[in-house]
C-alpha atoms as a PDB file:
ATOM      1  CA  MET A   1     -11.605  32.078   2.630  1.00  0.00           C
ATOM      2  CA  VAL A   2     -11.798  34.728  -0.100  1.00  0.00           C
ATOM      3  CA  VAL A   3      -8.644  36.712  -0.731  1.00  0.00           C
ATOM      4  CA  GLU A   4      -9.279  40.379  -1.521  1.00  0.00           C
ATOM      5  CA  SER A   5      -5.676  41.415  -2.083  1.00  0.00           C
ATOM      6  CA  ARG A   6      -2.134  40.063  -2.128  1.00  0.00           C
ATOM      7  CA  VAL A   7       1.489  41.097  -2.309  1.00  0.00           C
ATOM      8  CA  ASP A   8       3.185  39.725  -5.412  1.00  0.00           C
ATOM      9  CA  CYS A   9       6.802  38.584  -5.577  1.00  0.00           C
ATOM     10  CA  PHE A  10       7.945  42.179  -6.212  1.00  0.00           C
ATOM     11  CA  GLY A  11       6.205  43.462  -3.092  1.00  0.00           C
ATOM     12  CA  GLU A  12       3.403  45.303  -4.908  1.00  0.00           C
ATOM     13  CA  PHE A  13      -0.289  44.817  -4.197  1.00  0.00           C
ATOM     14  CA  ASP A  14      -2.457  43.454  -6.966  1.00  0.00           C
ATOM     15  CA  SER A  15      -5.952  43.346  -5.495  1.00  0.00           C
ATOM     16  CA  GLU A  16      -7.759  42.882  -8.805  1.00  0.00           C
ATOM     17  CA  SER A  17      -5.864  39.753  -9.931  1.00  0.00           C
ATOM     18  CA  PHE A  18      -6.896  37.713  -6.901  1.00  0.00           C
ATOM     19  CA  ARG A  19     -10.267  39.291  -6.089  1.00  0.00           C
ATOM     20  CA  GLY A  20     -12.843  36.518  -5.497  1.00  0.00           C
ATOM     21  CA  VAL A  21     -10.301  33.661  -5.677  1.00  0.00           C
ATOM     22  CA  GLU A  22     -10.992  30.959  -3.066  1.00  0.00           C
ATOM     23  CA  PHE A  23      -8.208  29.237  -1.133  1.00  0.00           C
ATOM     24  CA  SER A  24      -8.189  26.688   1.683  1.00  0.00           C
ATOM     25  CA  GLY A  25      -6.960  29.300   4.157  1.00  0.00           C
ATOM     26  CA  HIS A  26      -3.255  29.161   3.260  1.00  0.00           C
ATOM     27  CA  PRO A  27      -2.986  30.723  -0.229  1.00  0.00           C
ATOM     28  CA  TRP A  28       0.817  30.781  -0.362  1.00  0.00           C
ATOM     29  CA  SER A  29       0.997  27.105   0.633  1.00  0.00           C
ATOM     30  CA  ASP A  30      -1.791  26.229  -1.820  1.00  0.00           C
ATOM     31  CA  TRP A  31       0.185  27.799  -4.655  1.00  0.00           C
ATOM     32  CA  LEU A  32       3.609  26.487  -3.648  1.00  0.00           C
ATOM     33  CA  THR A  33       2.855  22.847  -2.673  1.00  0.00           C
ATOM     34  CA  PRO A  34       2.222  21.516  -6.215  1.00  0.00           C
ATOM     35  CA  ARG A  35       5.523  23.088  -7.276  1.00  0.00           C
ATOM     36  CA  LEU A  36       7.620  21.209  -4.687  1.00  0.00           C
ATOM     37  CA  LEU A  37       8.468  17.535  -4.338  1.00  0.00           C
ATOM     38  CA  THR A  38       5.825  15.470  -2.559  1.00  0.00           C
ATOM     39  CA  ARG A  39       8.200  14.576   0.276  1.00  0.00           C
ATOM     40  CA  SER A  40       9.869  17.090   2.575  1.00  0.00           C
ATOM     41  CA  ASP A  41      13.093  15.037   2.862  1.00  0.00           C
ATOM     42  CA  GLY A  42      14.038  15.703  -0.774  1.00  0.00           C
ATOM     43  CA  LEU A  43      13.466  12.128  -1.962  1.00  0.00           C
ATOM     44  CA  TRP A  44      11.440  11.554  -5.093  1.00  0.00           C
ATOM     45  CA  VAL A  45       8.471   9.211  -4.764  1.00  0.00           C
ATOM     46  CA  ALA A  46      10.059   7.079  -7.508  1.00  0.00           C
ATOM     47  CA  GLU A  47      12.887   6.236  -5.087  1.00  0.00           C
ATOM     48  CA  GLY A  48      10.421   4.345  -2.918  1.00  0.00           C
ATOM     49  CA  VAL A  49       8.928   2.111  -5.617  1.00  0.00           C
ATOM     50  CA  ASP A  50       9.282  -1.662  -5.155  1.00  0.00           C
ATOM     51  CA  TYR A  51       9.208  -4.471  -7.693  1.00  0.00           C
ATOM     52  CA  TRP A  52       5.829  -5.916  -8.637  1.00  0.00           C
ATOM     53  CA  PRO A  53       5.625  -9.130  -6.523  1.00  0.00           C
ATOM     54  CA  LEU A  54       5.955 -12.160  -8.786  1.00  0.00           C
ATOM     55  CA  GLU A  55       3.315 -14.140  -6.895  1.00  0.00           C
ATOM     56  CA  LEU A  56       0.694 -11.500  -7.753  1.00  0.00           C
ATOM     57  CA  GLN A  57       1.249 -11.673 -11.493  1.00  0.00           C
ATOM     58  CA  SER A  58      -1.065 -14.639 -12.062  1.00  0.00           C
ATOM     59  CA  HIS A  59      -4.377 -14.253 -13.886  1.00  0.00           C
ATOM     60  CA  LEU A  60      -7.660 -14.276 -11.965  1.00  0.00           C
ATOM     61  CA  LEU A  61     -10.013 -14.826 -14.900  1.00  0.00           C
ATOM     62  CA  GLU A  62     -10.994 -18.311 -16.012  1.00  0.00           C
ATOM     63  CA  ARG A  63     -13.192 -19.597 -18.803  1.00  0.00           C
ATOM     64  CA  VAL A  64     -16.558 -20.923 -17.651  1.00  0.00           C
ATOM     65  CA  LYS A  65     -19.033 -22.082 -20.317  1.00  0.00           C
ATOM     66  CA  GLU A  66     -17.214 -20.182 -23.054  1.00  0.00           C
ATOM     67  CA  LYS A  67     -17.215 -16.966 -21.019  1.00  0.00           C
ATOM     68  CA  LEU A  68     -14.520 -15.340 -18.928  1.00  0.00           C
ATOM     69  CA  SER A  69     -15.415 -15.176 -15.235  1.00  0.00           C
ATOM     70  CA  ILE A  70     -13.636 -14.126 -12.043  1.00  0.00           C
ATOM     71  CA  THR A  71     -12.215 -17.172 -10.337  1.00  0.00           C
ATOM     72  CA  GLY A  72     -13.860 -18.642  -7.273  1.00  0.00           C
ATOM     73  CA  ASP A  73     -11.064 -21.146  -6.707  1.00  0.00           C
ATOM     74  CA  GLN A  74     -10.310 -21.314  -2.988  1.00  0.00           C
ATOM     75  CA  GLN A  75      -6.561 -21.815  -3.273  1.00  0.00           C
ATOM     76  CA  LYS A  76      -6.150 -19.005  -5.808  1.00  0.00           C
ATOM     77  CA  LEU A  77      -7.907 -16.616  -3.426  1.00  0.00           C
ATOM     78  CA  LEU A  78      -5.878 -17.818  -0.443  1.00  0.00           C
ATOM     79  CA  ASN A  79      -2.679 -17.296  -2.433  1.00  0.00           C
ATOM     80  CA  LEU A  80      -3.547 -13.587  -2.663  1.00  0.00           C
ATOM     81  CA  ILE A  81      -3.103 -13.181   1.105  1.00  0.00           C
ATOM     82  CA  GLY A  82      -0.087 -15.499   1.422  1.00  0.00           C
ATOM     83  CA  LEU A  83      -1.834 -18.693   2.571  1.00  0.00           C
ATOM     84  CA  HIS A  84      -0.214 -21.348   0.398  1.00  0.00           C
ATOM     85  CA  GLY A  85      -0.772 -24.216   2.839  1.00  0.00           C
ATOM     86  CA  LYS A  86      -1.531 -24.876   6.473  1.00  0.00           C
ATOM     87  CA  THR A  87       1.659 -23.094   7.593  1.00  0.00           C
ATOM     88  CA  LEU A  88       1.264 -19.323   7.804  1.00  0.00           C
ATOM     89  CA  GLU A  89       4.388 -17.212   7.305  1.00  0.00           C
ATOM     90  CA  ASP A  90       3.640 -13.678   6.079  1.00  0.00           C
ATOM     91  CA  LEU A  91      -0.027 -12.669   5.858  1.00  0.00           C
ATOM     92  CA  VAL A  92      -1.397  -9.854   3.680  1.00  0.00           C
ATOM     93  CA  VAL A  93      -3.692  -7.842   5.969  1.00  0.00           C
ATOM     94  CA  SER A  94      -4.349  -4.816   3.762  1.00  0.00           C
ATOM     95  CA  GLY A  95      -3.904  -4.065   0.099  1.00  0.00           C
ATOM     96  CA  TYR A  96      -5.096  -2.922  -3.274  1.00  0.00           C
ATOM     97  CA  TRP A  97      -3.708  -3.869  -6.666  1.00  0.00           C
ATOM     98  CA  ARG A  98      -4.733  -4.936 -10.157  1.00  0.00           C
ATOM     99  CA  SER A  99      -4.015  -8.340 -11.661  1.00  0.00           C
ATOM    100  CA  PRO A 100      -2.457  -8.664 -15.151  1.00  0.00           C
ATOM    101  CA  ASP A 101      -5.947  -9.420 -16.536  1.00  0.00           C
ATOM    102  CA  ASN A 102      -7.402  -6.221 -15.004  1.00  0.00           C
ATOM    103  CA  ILE A 103      -9.108  -7.604 -11.902  1.00  0.00           C
ATOM    104  CA  ASP A 104      -9.090  -5.172  -8.966  1.00  0.00           C
ATOM    105  CA  VAL A 105      -8.011  -6.939  -5.774  1.00  0.00           C
ATOM    106  CA  ARG A 106      -8.857  -5.458  -2.378  1.00  0.00           C
ATOM    107  CA  ILE A 107      -7.795  -6.956   0.942  1.00  0.00           C
ATOM    108  CA  TYR A 108      -9.337  -5.822   4.236  1.00  0.00           C
ATOM    109  CA  SER A 109      -8.844  -7.186   7.759  1.00  0.00           C
ATOM    110  CA  ALA A 110     -10.215  -6.437  11.217  1.00  0.00           C
ATOM    111  CA  LEU A 111      -9.989  -7.763  14.768  1.00  0.00           C
ATOM    112  CA  VAL A 112     -13.070  -9.440  16.249  1.00  0.00           C
ATOM    113  CA  ASP A 113     -14.121 -11.017  19.550  1.00  0.00           C
ATOM    114  CA  PRO A 114     -13.503 -14.820  19.391  1.00  0.00           C
ATOM    115  CA  GLN A 115     -16.975 -15.448  20.824  1.00  0.00           C
ATOM    116  CA  HIS A 116     -18.581 -13.762  17.832  1.00  0.00           C
ATOM    117  CA  SER A 117     -15.999 -14.430  15.125  1.00  0.00           C
ATOM    118  CA  LYS A 118     -17.943 -17.210  13.370  1.00  0.00           C
ATOM    119  CA  SER A 119     -21.139 -15.196  13.100  1.00  0.00           C
ATOM    120  CA  LEU A 120     -19.242 -12.064  12.028  1.00  0.00           C
ATOM    121  CA  ALA A 121     -17.350 -14.046   9.381  1.00  0.00           C
ATOM    122  CA  LYS A 122     -20.631 -15.389   8.045  1.00  0.00           C
ATOM    123  CA  GLN A 123     -22.071 -11.864   8.073  1.00  0.00           C
ATOM    124  CA  ALA A 124     -19.112 -10.462   6.146  1.00  0.00           C
ATOM    125  CA  SER A 125     -19.195 -13.249   3.554  1.00  0.00           C
ATOM    126  CA  SER A 126     -22.941 -12.895   2.941  1.00  0.00           C
ATOM    127  CA  GLU A 127     -22.950  -9.125   2.381  1.00  0.00           C
ATOM    128  CA  THR A 128     -23.652  -7.770  -1.065  1.00  0.00           C
ATOM    129  CA  ALA A 129     -20.406  -8.228  -2.940  1.00  0.00           C
ATOM    130  CA  PHE A 130     -20.349  -4.702  -4.352  1.00  0.00           C
ATOM    131  CA  SER A 131     -20.571  -2.998  -0.962  1.00  0.00           C
ATOM    132  CA  SER A 132     -18.645  -5.472   1.198  1.00  0.00           C
ATOM    133  CA  TYR A 133     -15.718  -4.157   3.251  1.00  0.00           C
ATOM    134  CA  LEU A 134     -14.128  -4.344   6.692  1.00  0.00           C
ATOM    135  CA  PRO A 135     -13.431  -1.113   8.601  1.00  0.00           C
ATOM    136  CA  TYR A 136     -10.008   0.509   8.533  1.00  0.00           C
ATOM    137  CA  ARG A 137      -8.572   3.819   9.624  1.00  0.00           C
ATOM    138  CA  GLU A 138      -7.379   6.778   7.570  1.00  0.00           C
ATOM    139  CA  SER A 139      -4.790   9.350   8.545  1.00  0.00           C
ATOM    140  CA  GLY A 140      -4.441  12.906   7.352  1.00  0.00           C
ATOM    141  CA  GLU A 141      -1.278  14.852   6.637  1.00  0.00           C
ATOM    142  CA  GLU A 142      -1.159  16.065  10.230  1.00  0.00           C
ATOM    143  CA  GLY A 143      -1.185  12.487  11.570  1.00  0.00           C
ATOM    144  CA  SER A 144      -4.715  12.390  12.976  1.00  0.00           C
ATOM    145  CA  GLU A 145      -6.547   9.086  12.508  1.00  0.00           C
ATOM    146  CA  TYR A 146     -10.212   8.312  12.097  1.00  0.00           C
ATOM    147  CA  GLU A 147     -12.143   5.155  11.333  1.00  0.00           C
ATOM    148  CA  THR A 148     -14.023   4.986   8.042  1.00  0.00           C
ATOM    149  CA  ASN A 149     -17.487   3.447   8.058  1.00  0.00           C
ATOM    150  CA  PRO A 150     -17.188   1.553  11.357  1.00  0.00           C
ATOM    151  CA  LYS A 151     -19.058  -1.735  11.767  1.00  0.00           C
ATOM    152  CA  GLU A 152     -20.321  -3.095  15.057  1.00  0.00           C
ATOM    153  CA  GLY A 153     -18.202  -6.013  16.238  1.00  0.00           C
ATOM    154  CA  PHE A 154     -15.244  -5.215  13.947  1.00  0.00           C
ATOM    155  CA  LYS A 155     -12.194  -3.298  15.161  1.00  0.00           C
ATOM    156  CA  ALA A 156      -9.952  -1.604  12.618  1.00  0.00           C
ATOM    157  CA  TRP A 157      -6.229  -2.238  13.103  1.00  0.00           C
ATOM    158  CA  THR A 158      -4.753  -0.981   9.815  1.00  0.00           C
ATOM    159  CA  THR A 159      -4.467   2.568   8.476  1.00  0.00           C
ATOM    160  CA  MET A 160      -4.412   4.058   4.990  1.00  0.00           C
ATOM    161  CA  PRO A 161      -2.393   7.307   5.041  1.00  0.00           C
ATOM    162  CA  SER A 162      -3.537  10.251   2.947  1.00  0.00           C
ATOM    163  CA  THR A 163      -1.015  12.502   1.214  1.00  0.00           C
ATOM    164  CA  LYS A 164      -1.078  15.450  -1.156  1.00  0.00           C
ATOM    165  CA  GLU A 165       1.109  14.953  -4.221  1.00  0.00           C
ATOM    166  CA  GLY A 166       3.556  17.599  -5.366  1.00  0.00           C
ATOM    167  CA  LEU A 167       5.812  18.186  -8.359  1.00  0.00           C
ATOM    168  CA  ASP A 168       6.555  14.469  -8.889  1.00  0.00           C
ATOM    169  CA  GLU A 169       2.887  13.404  -8.977  1.00  0.00           C
ATOM    170  CA  TYR A 170       3.119  12.661 -12.694  1.00  0.00           C
ATOM    171  CA  ASP A 171       6.599  11.172 -12.675  1.00  0.00           C
ATOM    172  CA  GLN A 172       6.362   8.155 -14.993  1.00  0.00           C
ATOM    173  CA  LEU A 173       8.736   6.200 -12.737  1.00  0.00           C
ATOM    174  CA  GLY A 174       6.798   6.958  -9.566  1.00  0.00           C
ATOM    175  CA  ALA A 175       3.891   5.180  -7.878  1.00  0.00           C
ATOM    176  CA  LYS A 176       1.615   7.269  -5.667  1.00  0.00           C
ATOM    177  CA  GLY A 177       1.263   4.380  -3.246  1.00  0.00           C
ATOM    178  CA  ALA A 178       4.982   4.504  -2.449  1.00  0.00           C
ATOM    179  CA  ASN A 179       4.335   7.527  -0.272  1.00  0.00           C
ATOM    180  CA  ARG A 180       1.123   6.301   1.331  1.00  0.00           C
ATOM    181  CA  ARG A 181       1.742   2.658   2.109  1.00  0.00           C
ATOM    182  CA  PRO A 182      -0.768   0.955   4.383  1.00  0.00           C
ATOM    183  CA  ARG A 183       0.396   0.540   7.974  1.00  0.00           C
ATOM    184  CA  PHE A 184      -0.963  -0.466  11.351  1.00  0.00           C
ATOM    185  CA  SER A 185      -3.146   1.852  13.384  1.00  0.00           C
ATOM    186  CA  SER A 186      -1.475   4.200  15.867  1.00  0.00           C
ATOM    187  CA  GLU A 187      -2.869   2.060  18.698  1.00  0.00           C
ATOM    188  CA  ILE A 188      -1.112  -1.059  17.389  1.00  0.00           C
ATOM    189  CA  ILE A 189       2.095   0.888  16.757  1.00  0.00           C
ATOM    190  CA  VAL A 190       2.146   2.196  20.339  1.00  0.00           C
ATOM    191  CA  ASP A 191       1.011  -1.004  22.060  1.00  0.00           C
ATOM    192  CA  PHE A 192       3.677  -3.107  20.336  1.00  0.00           C
ATOM    193  CA  SER A 193       6.443  -0.463  20.210  1.00  0.00           C
ATOM    194  CA  LEU A 194       6.740  -0.520  16.439  1.00  0.00           C
ATOM    195  CA  GLN A 195       8.820   1.831  14.357  1.00  0.00           C
ATOM    196  CA  ALA A 196       9.577   2.222  10.675  1.00  0.00           C
ATOM    197  CA  ALA A 197      13.073   1.104   9.725  1.00  0.00           C
ATOM    198  CA  ASP A 198      13.393   3.250   6.575  1.00  0.00           C
ATOM    199  CA  SER A 199      12.273   6.552   5.074  1.00  0.00           C
ATOM    200  CA  PHE A 200       9.418   5.070   3.050  1.00  0.00           C
ATOM    201  CA  ASN A 201       7.970   2.923   5.879  1.00  0.00           C
ATOM    202  CA  ARG A 202       8.754  -0.237   3.933  1.00  0.00           C
ATOM    203  CA  LYS A 203       9.813  -2.278   6.955  1.00  0.00           C
ATOM    204  CA  TRP A 204       8.480  -2.184  10.520  1.00  0.00           C
ATOM    205  CA  VAL A 205      10.417  -3.508  13.509  1.00  0.00           C
ATOM    206  CA  ASN A 206       9.662  -3.960  17.218  1.00  0.00           C
ATOM    207  CA  SER A 207      11.651  -2.696  20.203  1.00  0.00           C
ATOM    208  CA  SER A 208      14.139  -5.584  19.753  1.00  0.00           C
ATOM    209  CA  ASN A 209      14.702  -4.498  16.132  1.00  0.00           C
ATOM    210  CA  ILE A 210      13.013  -7.675  14.889  1.00  0.00           C
ATOM    211  CA  PRO A 211      11.073  -7.219  11.612  1.00  0.00           C
ATOM    212  CA  VAL A 212       7.344  -7.722  12.132  1.00  0.00           C
ATOM    213  CA  ALA A 213       5.830  -6.313   8.938  1.00  0.00           C
ATOM    214  CA  ARG A 214       6.566  -4.859   5.534  1.00  0.00           C
ATOM    215  CA  ALA A 215       4.598  -2.528   3.295  1.00  0.00           C
ATOM    216  CA  GLU A 216       5.133  -2.791  -0.438  1.00  0.00           C
ATOM    217  CA  SER A 217       4.186  -0.436  -3.257  1.00  0.00           C
ATOM    218  CA  TRP A 218       4.801  -0.951  -6.940  1.00  0.00           C
ATOM    219  CA  LEU A 219       4.037   0.580 -10.312  1.00  0.00           C
ATOM    220  CA  GLN A 220       1.878  -1.472 -12.629  1.00  0.00           C
ATOM    221  CA  ARG A 221       1.042  -0.387 -16.145  1.00  0.00           C
ATOM    222  CA  ASP A 222      -2.464  -0.636 -17.512  1.00  0.00           C
ATOM    223  CA  ARG A 223      -3.419   0.321 -21.033  1.00  0.00           C
ATOM    224  CA  ASP A 224      -6.874   1.397 -19.832  1.00  0.00           C
ATOM    225  CA  ASP A 225      -5.587   3.957 -17.327  1.00  0.00           C
ATOM    226  CA  ASP A 226      -5.823   7.537 -18.512  1.00  0.00           C
ATOM    227  CA  ASP A 227      -2.582   8.491 -16.754  1.00  0.00           C
ATOM    228  CA  GLY A 228      -0.677   5.542 -18.213  1.00  0.00           C
ATOM    229  CA  GLY A 229      -0.172   3.637 -14.985  1.00  0.00           C
ATOM    230  CA  SER A 230      -1.397   2.798 -11.535  1.00  0.00           C
ATOM    231  CA  SER A 231       0.109   1.662  -8.269  1.00  0.00           C
ATOM    232  CA  GLY A 232      -0.472  -1.382  -6.132  1.00  0.00           C
ATOM    233  CA  GLU A 233       0.240  -1.686  -2.438  1.00  0.00           C
ATOM    234  CA  ARG A 234      -0.054  -4.249   0.340  1.00  0.00           C
ATOM    235  CA  LEU A 235       0.818  -4.653   4.028  1.00  0.00           C
ATOM    236  CA  LEU A 236       2.129  -8.001   5.243  1.00  0.00           C
ATOM    237  CA  CYS A 237       2.785  -9.068   8.838  1.00  0.00           C
ATOM    238  CA  THR A 238       4.743 -12.044  10.163  1.00  0.00           C
ATOM    239  CA  ALA A 239       3.063 -15.048  11.765  1.00  0.00           C
ATOM    240  CA  ALA A 240       4.893 -14.356  15.040  1.00  0.00           C
ATOM    241  CA  PHE A 241       3.611 -10.783  15.205  1.00  0.00           C
ATOM    242  CA  LEU A 242       0.062 -11.800  14.326  1.00  0.00           C
ATOM    243  CA  THR A 243       0.110 -14.354  17.136  1.00  0.00           C
ATOM    244  CA  GLU A 244       1.342 -11.689  19.548  1.00  0.00           C
ATOM    245  CA  VAL A 245      -1.410  -9.257  18.536  1.00  0.00           C
ATOM    246  CA  LEU A 246      -4.217 -11.805  18.736  1.00  0.00           C
ATOM    247  CA  SER A 247      -2.961 -13.014  22.120  1.00  0.00           C
ATOM    248  CA  LEU A 248      -2.627  -9.559  23.693  1.00  0.00           C
ATOM    249  CA  LYS A 249      -5.850  -8.246  22.183  1.00  0.00           C
ATOM    250  CA  ARG A 250      -7.716 -11.503  22.915  1.00  0.00           C
ATOM    251  CA  ALA A 251      -9.058 -11.429  19.415  1.00  0.00           C
ATOM    252  CA  GLU A 252      -9.329 -13.281  16.148  1.00  0.00           C
ATOM    253  CA  LEU A 253      -8.669 -11.831  12.709  1.00  0.00           C
ATOM    254  CA  LEU A 254     -11.073 -11.710   9.795  1.00  0.00           C
ATOM    255  CA  VAL A 255      -9.621 -11.116   6.331  1.00  0.00           C
ATOM    256  CA  LEU A 256     -11.912 -10.121   3.464  1.00  0.00           C
ATOM    257  CA  ILE A 257     -10.744 -10.886  -0.079  1.00  0.00           C
ATOM    258  CA  LYS A 258     -12.618  -8.960  -2.746  1.00  0.00           C
ATOM    259  CA  LEU A 259     -12.122  -9.224  -6.505  1.00  0.00           C
ATOM    260  CA  GLU A 260     -13.865  -6.846  -8.904  1.00  0.00           C
ATOM    261  CA  ARG A 261     -14.048  -6.644 -12.678  1.00  0.00           C
ATOM    262  CA  TYR A 262     -15.591  -3.964 -14.877  1.00  0.00           C
ATOM    263  CA  GLU A 263     -16.440  -4.834 -18.464  1.00  0.00           C
ATOM    264  CA  LYS A 264     -16.910  -1.837 -20.714  1.00  0.00           C
ATOM    265  CA  ASN A 265     -19.580  -1.951 -23.365  1.00  0.00           C
ATOM    266  CA  TYR A 266     -18.388  -0.038 -26.402  1.00  0.00           C
ATOM    267  CA  SER A 267     -21.794  -0.214 -28.115  1.00  0.00           C
ATOM    268  CA  GLY A 268     -23.203   2.434 -25.781  1.00  0.00           C
ATOM    269  CA  ALA A 269     -25.065   0.076 -23.462  1.00  0.00           C
ATOM    270  CA  ALA A 270     -24.339  -0.113 -19.749  1.00  0.00           C
ATOM    271  CA  GLY A 271     -21.128  -1.752 -18.584  1.00  0.00           C
ATOM    272  CA  GLU A 272     -21.111  -4.629 -16.143  1.00  0.00           C
ATOM    273  CA  PHE A 273     -19.440  -5.188 -12.780  1.00  0.00           C
ATOM    274  CA  SER A 274     -18.568  -8.636 -11.460  1.00  0.00           C
ATOM    275  CA  ASN A 275     -17.401  -9.550  -7.950  1.00  0.00           C
ATOM    276  CA  THR A 276     -16.008 -12.520  -6.083  1.00  0.00           C
ATOM    277  CA  THR A 277     -15.541 -12.426  -2.297  1.00  0.00           C
ATOM    278  CA  ALA A 278     -14.302 -14.693   0.476  1.00  0.00           C
ATOM    279  CA  VAL A 279     -13.563 -14.363   4.198  1.00  0.00           C
ATOM    280  CA  VAL A 280     -10.773 -16.039   6.149  1.00  0.00           C
ATOM    281  CA  ARG A 281     -11.045 -16.399   9.941  1.00  0.00           C
ATOM    282  CA  ILE A 282      -7.741 -16.800  11.800  1.00  0.00           C
ATOM    283  CA  ASP A 283      -7.417 -17.632  15.507  1.00  0.00           C
ATOM    284  CA  GLU A 284      -4.542 -17.189  17.966  1.00  0.00           C
ATOM    285  CA  SER A 285      -3.032 -20.573  17.052  1.00  0.00           C
ATOM    286  CA  LEU A 286      -3.036 -19.399  13.393  1.00  0.00           C
ATOM    287  CA  SER A 287      -5.538 -22.059  12.374  1.00  0.00           C
ATOM    288  CA  TYR A 288      -7.915 -20.675   9.780  1.00  0.00           C
ATOM    289  CA  ASP A 289     -11.298 -21.272   8.191  1.00  0.00           C
ATOM    290  CA  TYR A 290     -12.296 -20.274   4.668  1.00  0.00           C
ATOM    291  CA  ILE A 291     -15.810 -18.949   4.106  1.00  0.00           C
ATOM    292  CA  ALA A 292     -16.791 -18.502   0.470  1.00  0.00           C
ATOM    293  CA  GLY A 293     -18.881 -15.499  -0.510  1.00  0.00           C
ATOM    294  CA  ALA A 294     -20.182 -14.429  -3.899  1.00  0.00           C
ATOM    295  CA  ILE A 295     -18.577 -15.940  -6.989  1.00  0.00           C
ATOM    296  CA  ASN A 296     -18.602 -13.834 -10.158  1.00  0.00           C
ATOM    297  CA  LYS A 297     -21.706 -11.989  -8.992  1.00  0.00           C
ATOM    298  CA  GLN A 298     -22.795  -9.573 -11.721  1.00  0.00           C
ATOM    299  CA  LEU A 299     -24.346  -6.130 -11.620  1.00  0.00           C
ATOM    300  CA  LYS A 300     -25.181  -4.027 -14.651  1.00  0.00           C
ATOM    301  CA  THR A 301     -24.659  -0.294 -14.414  1.00  0.00           C
ATOM    302  CA  ARG A 302     -27.138   2.245 -15.652  1.00  0.00           C
ATOM    303  CA  VAL A 303     -26.444   4.253 -18.774  1.00  0.00           C
END
């Protein structure tokens, strides 16, 4: 939309000032939104920031033949999704954060048919590390959901909300992820009668007010970030709820763990990406299999 004229705050037309300016279709809203708080309830995003989980503050680089490489250690990767032994308690089913040694960690999960789960797990683990993912859903500000890059055989069950930041976008105490925590898809929320128990959707409960999941978001500083900081977020569900979902949906769960490192080259040559991936297959009884993928797979970028 191109605005040809406007009425300024004193009620006078100023057609020349705004001639040719493009807006999304709501010029007053476009101008006002960045000057208001992100949230409509008056809370600052900083009020929804959690503590950085202690268990995620371990390093993911290890020295191999006098060179630092992303770990391929099975237990270290399982620890990232909450599998510390054969007993599953809270499982990380979606997330993104950065380790203290600057390794980007991405967690994806999707429901699959038990009859095809082994072949789909093998498929997911053998994909090119740099383009590997499992489908998830995204939601806009109006609540509509859509699946991003669907894959045959995989059913998305988590959602990444999308929000537009306002006045507190650059608040040094805030974390953008606090206002867009990952959650379950609308289908899962309806089918299992889930509801958020707080303003920031930190905790999710069922119809009996029993906690079934929690979504965390924290601020983590990184000297390499231009804005001085970044946020991490993750969605965890209880073992009891996961069992209920897999039973009702007659499905198994695949969890993709993806670690990525970018090494800058300050001499002017191309930088280098490295990836490690793994897939975990979980059945209704909560037994799981670990399928290793790429380990410190490298790819040089073009100058």
